[in-house]
Amino acid sequence: MASEQKKPVKPLPFAANFAAGAIAGVSEILTFYPLDVVRAIFFPGTDHVKTRMQLETGKSTLGLVGTLRSIIKEEGAGRLYRGLVPPLLLEAPKRAVKFAANDFWGQTYMDVAGASKMTQNIAVLTGCSAGATESFVVVPFELVKIKLQDKTSTFKGPMDVVKQVIRKEGVLGLYAGMESTFWRHVYWNGGYFGCIFQVRALLPKPETQQALLLNNFISGAIGGFAGTVLNTPFDVVKSRIQGTTRIPGVVPKYNWTYPALVTIFREEGAAALYKGFVPKVLRLAPGGGVLLLVVEFTLGVFRKALGPPYI
């Protein structure tokens, strides 16, 4: 123990954290898209349903299964897979940025605070900062996905969305909803990484590699659930903002995050702020577990490959 204190483990380089996040992102999406296909009552394409539920204004009693049935009946089962390409292309860089940024901000805040190890407050602040960083990468892909998944969509595919948005609104049009996406990721990552820190402290110390993997999965899954609870209202607003067709000279009904939250609450009730929560949490809670498990496992492989002083 004393020798370990004299020679502290050196943090892995940025590239290692970036690569681990990318590998975790691809692993998560490869794991859960096949599972979507065999979900007995939820069917495939739950992210599509989540977006459709969030775009639907007014009080609705359709719910998850009703929305799925409505889409399949009116538009065909193939519609559930529209918008799949952007998240597939996005997953590796998105998760890579998330975990690399989390490591960078964690080290930065500990240095500023003069802390030798992570604390709960620093973990939450670090997660929020990682989410803010991640949001800049995510926005164009999310915009394309939302446009394709809208019921009234006439776009032929992802590139058609990009071309039409740039032609009508310029390159900055791809960043519509940036502010709401920023808040969505700040809250999710703050809840995710902050909760992971706390849950890890409460779980029994792992004595085996299998126990360590299980602890990481449990911590990540609970963190994913907590992050989803915190950020779903912001996700609803983001979907509304990005799903709106911009008309020159007309101020959109949903334009800025916090005023939009108030508008939805006033017109549709508090429950409307959690539209799409069920399909969202079904994906992000276990998905958060898989992400953390794969990231930590991959970082462990890197540490062994690099050797001292990384282990």
Foldseek 3Di string as FASTA:
>chain_A
DVVCVVQPADDDDLVLLLQLQLVLLLVLVVVVQVVQCPPPQQHHLLVLLLLQQLQDAAADDCARSNSQVVCCVPPNPVLSCALVVLSNVQRRNLRSLLRSQLVVQLVVVCVVVVHPDDDLVSQLVSQLRSLLRSLVSCQLSVLLSLLSSHPPRPAPHSVSVCVVQCVVPNPCSSNFLSQLSSVLSSQLRSQQRSQLVVQLVVDPDDPDPVSVLVSLLQSQLNSLLRSLVRRQLSVSLSSNRSNDDDDPPDDDPRHHRPVVSVVRCVRHNPVSSCRSSVSSSVSRNSSRSSSRSSSVVSLVVVCVVVDPPND
